[in-house]
N, C-alpha and C. Protein backbone atom coordinates (compact mmCIF):
# COMPACT_ATOMS: atom_id res chain seq x y z
N MET A 1 46.50 -42.27 214.71
CA MET A 1 45.09 -41.53 213.86
C MET A 1 44.65 -40.83 215.22
N PRO A 2 44.08 -39.50 214.60
CA PRO A 2 43.46 -38.72 215.69
C PRO A 2 42.19 -39.51 216.49
N LEU A 3 41.79 -39.06 217.52
CA LEU A 3 40.47 -39.54 218.24
C LEU A 3 39.61 -39.33 217.53
N ASP A 4 39.24 -38.10 217.09
CA ASP A 4 37.77 -37.91 216.48
C ASP A 4 37.73 -38.98 215.48
N THR A 5 38.75 -39.36 214.61
CA THR A 5 38.60 -40.27 213.59
C THR A 5 38.39 -41.49 214.10
N ILE A 6 39.06 -41.92 215.21
CA ILE A 6 38.79 -43.35 215.52
C ILE A 6 37.24 -43.33 216.14
N SER A 7 37.05 -42.57 216.77
CA SER A 7 35.56 -42.20 217.22
C SER A 7 34.63 -42.35 216.22
N THR A 8 34.53 -41.27 215.27
CA THR A 8 33.68 -41.86 214.20
C THR A 8 33.79 -43.03 213.56
N VAL A 9 34.78 -43.70 213.20
CA VAL A 9 34.90 -45.04 212.70
C VAL A 9 34.24 -45.84 213.48
N SER A 10 34.56 -45.86 214.56
CA SER A 10 33.70 -46.93 215.68
C SER A 10 32.18 -46.90 215.79
N ARG A 11 31.58 -45.26 215.81
CA ARG A 11 30.40 -45.29 215.86
C ARG A 11 29.67 -46.00 214.49
N GLU A 12 30.22 -45.41 213.16
CA GLU A 12 29.72 -46.20 211.89
C GLU A 12 29.60 -47.43 211.94
N TRP A 13 30.73 -48.02 212.45
CA TRP A 13 30.62 -49.66 212.58
C TRP A 13 29.53 -50.14 213.40
N ALA A 14 29.30 -49.44 214.68
CA ALA A 14 28.48 -49.89 215.73
C ALA A 14 27.10 -49.80 215.36
N THR A 15 27.17 -48.74 214.26
CA THR A 15 25.34 -48.07 213.88
C THR A 15 24.89 -49.10 212.72
N ARG A 16 26.13 -49.90 211.98
CA ARG A 16 25.54 -50.65 210.77
C ARG A 16 24.81 -51.86 211.22
N PRO A 17 23.77 -52.44 210.10
CA PRO A 17 23.02 -53.59 210.47
C PRO A 17 23.96 -54.61 210.66
N ASP A 18 23.41 -55.90 211.33
CA ASP A 18 24.46 -56.82 211.33
C ASP A 18 24.92 -57.06 210.25
N ASP A 19 24.34 -57.36 209.06
CA ASP A 19 24.72 -58.13 207.72
C ASP A 19 25.68 -57.22 207.08
N GLN A 20 25.99 -56.06 208.10
CA GLN A 20 26.77 -55.13 207.33
C GLN A 20 28.23 -54.90 208.21
N ARG A 21 28.51 -55.80 209.15
CA ARG A 21 29.64 -55.48 210.07
C ARG A 21 30.49 -56.44 210.10
N TYR A 22 31.94 -56.46 209.83
CA TYR A 22 33.01 -57.28 209.65
C TYR A 22 34.13 -56.58 210.82
N THR A 23 34.63 -57.85 211.24
CA THR A 23 35.84 -57.33 212.14
C THR A 23 37.22 -57.16 211.51
N SER A 24 37.08 -57.77 210.28
CA SER A 24 38.24 -57.63 209.16
C SER A 24 37.94 -57.86 207.95
N LEU A 25 38.99 -57.34 206.97
CA LEU A 25 38.46 -57.56 205.84
C LEU A 25 38.42 -58.91 205.28
N LEU A 26 39.38 -59.88 205.71
CA LEU A 26 39.04 -61.01 205.34
C LEU A 26 37.78 -61.62 205.85
N ASP A 27 37.31 -61.26 207.01
CA ASP A 27 35.56 -61.64 207.17
C ASP A 27 34.75 -61.10 206.18
N MET A 28 35.24 -60.03 205.91
CA MET A 28 34.04 -59.21 204.83
C MET A 28 34.15 -60.03 203.51
N GLU A 29 35.33 -60.56 202.93
CA GLU A 29 35.77 -61.35 201.76
C GLU A 29 35.35 -62.57 201.64
N GLN A 30 35.55 -63.10 203.05
CA GLN A 30 34.75 -64.64 202.83
C GLN A 30 33.38 -64.60 202.99
N HIS A 31 32.78 -63.52 203.61
CA HIS A 31 30.98 -63.63 203.78
C HIS A 31 30.61 -63.22 202.18
N PHE A 32 31.25 -62.63 201.67
CA PHE A 32 31.00 -62.00 200.03
C PHE A 32 30.83 -63.47 199.15
N ALA A 33 32.08 -63.99 199.40
CA ALA A 33 32.42 -65.11 198.71
C ALA A 33 31.56 -66.43 198.93
N THR A 34 31.12 -66.41 200.19
CA THR A 34 29.85 -67.45 200.32
C THR A 34 28.72 -66.70 199.52
N VAL A 35 28.18 -65.59 199.64
CA VAL A 35 26.93 -64.99 199.38
C VAL A 35 27.21 -65.11 197.75
N ARG A 36 28.12 -65.10 197.11
CA ARG A 36 28.25 -65.07 195.64
C ARG A 36 27.98 -66.57 195.30
N ARG A 37 28.73 -67.95 196.17
CA ARG A 37 28.07 -68.88 195.80
C ARG A 37 26.78 -69.43 195.94
N ASN A 38 26.20 -68.69 196.93
CA ASN A 38 24.75 -69.34 197.19
C ASN A 38 23.60 -68.12 196.49
N SER A 39 24.10 -67.50 195.79
CA SER A 39 23.36 -66.38 195.23
C SER A 39 22.54 -66.80 194.01
N VAL A 40 21.33 -66.69 193.68
CA VAL A 40 20.75 -66.80 192.48
C VAL A 40 19.98 -65.88 191.94
N ALA A 41 20.01 -65.27 190.94
CA ALA A 41 18.98 -64.60 190.35
C ALA A 41 17.81 -64.83 189.86
N GLN A 42 16.47 -64.26 190.13
CA GLN A 42 15.59 -64.77 189.56
C GLN A 42 14.31 -63.43 189.32
N ALA A 43 13.73 -63.25 188.38
CA ALA A 43 12.64 -62.32 188.40
C ALA A 43 11.41 -62.94 188.60
N VAL A 44 10.57 -62.55 189.85
CA VAL A 44 9.51 -63.24 190.18
C VAL A 44 8.38 -62.18 190.54
N SER A 45 7.15 -62.41 190.42
CA SER A 45 5.94 -61.67 190.65
C SER A 45 6.06 -61.57 192.11
N SER A 46 5.98 -60.42 192.58
CA SER A 46 5.91 -60.28 194.06
C SER A 46 4.73 -60.98 194.69
N ARG A 47 3.67 -61.21 194.06
CA ARG A 47 2.60 -61.82 194.27
C ARG A 47 2.62 -63.25 194.63
N ARG A 48 3.97 -64.14 194.25
CA ARG A 48 4.58 -65.09 194.53
C ARG A 48 5.08 -65.63 196.00
N ILE A 49 5.61 -64.33 196.49
CA ILE A 49 6.28 -64.01 197.79
C ILE A 49 5.18 -64.02 198.95
N ALA A 50 5.65 -65.10 199.86
CA ALA A 50 4.29 -64.98 201.13
C ALA A 50 5.54 -64.66 201.86
N PHE A 51 5.20 -63.50 203.05
CA PHE A 51 5.72 -63.00 204.15
C PHE A 51 4.94 -63.50 205.53
N LYS A 52 6.07 -63.96 206.51
CA LYS A 52 5.32 -64.29 207.77
C LYS A 52 6.32 -63.83 209.02
N PRO A 53 5.64 -63.44 210.24
CA PRO A 53 6.66 -63.04 211.00
C PRO A 53 7.29 -64.43 211.60
N THR A 54 8.42 -64.44 212.26
CA THR A 54 8.96 -65.66 212.96
C THR A 54 9.54 -65.33 214.23
N SER A 55 9.29 -64.17 214.71
CA SER A 55 9.41 -63.65 216.24
C SER A 55 8.83 -62.37 216.20
N GLN A 56 8.90 -61.66 217.49
CA GLN A 56 8.64 -60.40 217.93
C GLN A 56 9.30 -59.41 216.78
N HIS A 57 10.58 -59.73 216.30
CA HIS A 57 11.09 -58.74 215.36
C HIS A 57 11.79 -59.16 214.35
N ASP A 58 11.84 -60.73 213.46
CA ASP A 58 11.82 -61.16 212.41
C ASP A 58 11.11 -61.51 211.73
N LEU A 59 11.45 -61.29 210.50
CA LEU A 59 10.41 -61.59 209.31
C LEU A 59 10.99 -62.43 208.21
N THR A 60 10.29 -63.41 207.56
CA THR A 60 10.75 -64.38 206.67
C THR A 60 9.92 -64.34 205.45
N LEU A 61 10.64 -64.73 204.38
CA LEU A 61 9.53 -64.69 203.07
C LEU A 61 9.89 -66.14 202.49
N SER A 62 8.87 -66.46 201.85
CA SER A 62 9.11 -67.79 200.96
C SER A 62 8.64 -67.52 199.72
N LEU A 63 8.86 -68.16 198.50
CA LEU A 63 8.45 -68.14 197.19
C LEU A 63 7.50 -69.51 197.13
N ASP A 64 6.35 -69.55 196.59
CA ASP A 64 5.58 -70.54 196.42
C ASP A 64 5.53 -71.52 197.51
N GLY A 65 5.62 -71.15 198.61
CA GLY A 65 5.77 -72.27 199.83
C GLY A 65 7.08 -72.86 199.95
N GLY A 66 7.81 -72.52 199.28
CA GLY A 66 9.37 -72.90 199.55
C GLY A 66 9.91 -72.92 200.69
N PRO A 67 11.19 -72.92 201.16
CA PRO A 67 11.76 -72.63 202.37
C PRO A 67 11.78 -71.31 202.90
N ASP A 68 12.03 -70.84 204.08
CA ASP A 68 11.74 -69.52 204.46
C ASP A 68 13.23 -69.05 204.32
N ILE A 69 13.10 -67.72 203.68
CA ILE A 69 14.20 -67.05 203.62
C ILE A 69 14.32 -65.55 204.57
N SER A 70 15.65 -65.47 205.15
CA SER A 70 15.48 -63.86 205.99
C SER A 70 16.20 -63.20 204.98
N PRO A 71 15.27 -61.92 204.89
CA PRO A 71 15.66 -61.06 203.89
C PRO A 71 17.01 -60.25 204.57
N THR A 72 18.01 -59.81 203.68
CA THR A 72 19.24 -59.04 204.36
C THR A 72 18.42 -57.63 204.80
N HIS A 73 19.52 -56.85 205.07
CA HIS A 73 18.83 -55.24 205.45
C HIS A 73 18.56 -54.75 204.06
N HIS A 74 19.25 -54.92 202.97
CA HIS A 74 19.22 -54.30 201.47
C HIS A 74 17.80 -54.92 201.21
N ALA A 75 17.64 -56.18 201.19
CA ALA A 75 16.79 -56.97 200.75
C ALA A 75 15.29 -56.16 201.09
N PHE A 76 15.27 -55.98 202.54
CA PHE A 76 14.09 -55.57 203.32
C PHE A 76 13.71 -54.09 202.65
N GLY A 77 14.75 -53.14 202.54
CA GLY A 77 14.78 -51.70 201.96
C GLY A 77 13.95 -52.27 200.56
N GLN A 78 14.25 -52.77 199.62
CA GLN A 78 13.58 -52.97 198.38
C GLN A 78 12.41 -53.86 198.80
N LEU A 79 11.94 -54.68 199.76
CA LEU A 79 10.58 -54.89 199.98
C LEU A 79 9.65 -53.71 200.45
N ALA A 80 10.20 -53.20 201.11
CA ALA A 80 9.62 -51.66 201.81
C ALA A 80 9.30 -51.03 200.64
N THR A 81 10.04 -50.72 199.53
CA THR A 81 9.79 -49.68 198.35
C THR A 81 8.78 -50.29 197.78
N LEU A 82 8.68 -51.66 197.68
CA LEU A 82 7.25 -52.30 196.95
C LEU A 82 6.28 -52.10 197.53
N ALA A 83 6.52 -51.88 198.97
CA ALA A 83 5.13 -51.61 199.98
C ALA A 83 4.83 -50.43 199.93
N ARG A 84 5.46 -49.19 199.35
CA ARG A 84 5.30 -48.05 199.62
C ARG A 84 5.20 -47.45 200.70
N ALA A 85 6.36 -47.94 201.81
CA ALA A 85 6.28 -47.91 203.12
C ALA A 85 7.87 -47.56 203.34
N PRO A 86 8.34 -46.63 204.47
CA PRO A 86 9.75 -46.54 205.11
C PRO A 86 10.34 -47.44 205.27
N ALA A 87 11.36 -48.01 204.92
CA ALA A 87 11.82 -49.19 205.48
C ALA A 87 12.37 -48.96 207.13
N GLY A 88 12.69 -48.03 207.53
CA GLY A 88 13.37 -47.55 208.48
C GLY A 88 12.21 -47.55 209.63
N TYR A 89 11.08 -47.19 209.09
CA TYR A 89 9.71 -47.17 209.97
C TYR A 89 9.26 -48.48 210.06
N LEU A 90 9.44 -49.50 208.99
CA LEU A 90 8.84 -50.95 209.22
C LEU A 90 9.86 -51.90 209.83
N ARG A 91 11.22 -51.27 209.90
CA ARG A 91 11.99 -52.18 210.84
C ARG A 91 11.76 -51.75 212.76
N ARG A 92 11.18 -50.89 212.70
CA ARG A 92 10.82 -50.55 214.20
C ARG A 92 9.68 -51.05 214.62
N LEU A 93 8.80 -51.41 213.68
CA LEU A 93 7.63 -52.12 213.81
C LEU A 93 7.58 -53.77 214.27
N PRO A 94 6.59 -54.45 215.31
CA PRO A 94 7.04 -55.46 215.51
C PRO A 94 6.54 -56.60 214.24
N ALA A 95 7.15 -57.62 214.11
CA ALA A 95 7.21 -58.15 212.57
C ALA A 95 5.88 -58.45 212.09
N ARG A 96 5.08 -58.48 212.68
CA ARG A 96 3.70 -58.92 212.30
C ARG A 96 3.30 -57.76 211.30
N GLU A 97 3.56 -56.48 211.79
CA GLU A 97 2.85 -55.41 210.72
C GLU A 97 3.65 -55.21 209.38
N PRO A 98 4.79 -55.26 209.41
CA PRO A 98 5.54 -55.40 207.89
C PRO A 98 4.81 -56.59 207.18
N ALA A 99 4.81 -57.57 207.84
CA ALA A 99 4.18 -58.70 206.83
C ALA A 99 2.92 -58.48 206.65
N SER A 100 2.08 -58.03 207.32
CA SER A 100 0.52 -57.85 206.57
C SER A 100 0.61 -56.46 205.69
N ARG A 101 1.48 -55.43 206.06
CA ARG A 101 1.66 -54.26 205.07
C ARG A 101 2.04 -54.63 203.91
N VAL A 102 3.02 -55.50 203.73
CA VAL A 102 3.81 -56.21 202.36
C VAL A 102 2.59 -57.25 201.70
N GLY A 103 1.78 -57.69 202.40
CA GLY A 103 1.01 -58.77 201.89
C GLY A 103 -0.25 -57.95 201.38
N ARG A 104 -0.66 -56.84 202.11
CA ARG A 104 -1.85 -56.12 201.12
C ARG A 104 -1.29 -55.61 200.04
N MET A 105 -0.14 -55.16 199.94
CA MET A 105 0.55 -54.76 198.71
C MET A 105 0.57 -55.40 197.89
N ARG A 106 0.59 -56.50 198.04
CA ARG A 106 0.89 -57.97 197.10
C ARG A 106 -0.61 -58.20 196.77
N ASP A 107 -1.55 -58.17 197.21
CA ASP A 107 -3.03 -58.50 197.10
C ASP A 107 -3.69 -57.25 196.46
N GLY A 108 -3.12 -56.21 196.44
CA GLY A 108 -3.66 -55.21 195.58
C GLY A 108 -4.65 -54.34 196.42
N SER A 109 -4.51 -54.62 197.82
CA SER A 109 -5.21 -53.58 198.55
C SER A 109 -4.78 -52.52 199.44
N GLY A 110 -3.12 -52.66 199.46
CA GLY A 110 -2.47 -51.64 200.25
C GLY A 110 -2.14 -50.53 199.64
């Protein structure tokens, strides 16, 4: 394989979010099999979702006071779309900023 191809593949893998990095196809298959087993689809009003920072860079959400859930990279992008804010921008902010931005959107004041 040409060196520039190897370099490109390595760079692409290294720049992916943590929830999109796999060291083998078997790891990826196992991950998505677990995701499928644990997944539940439910349409809910964004007003029922509470957002809170858990550290400087981590944000969790809960539905009606239920257990905290860490959104995946993709889910965070979807939440940013609801807040009408660029996901890349929100990812660079301390977690309390996106939590308050999405909270204001949910309350109709954002």
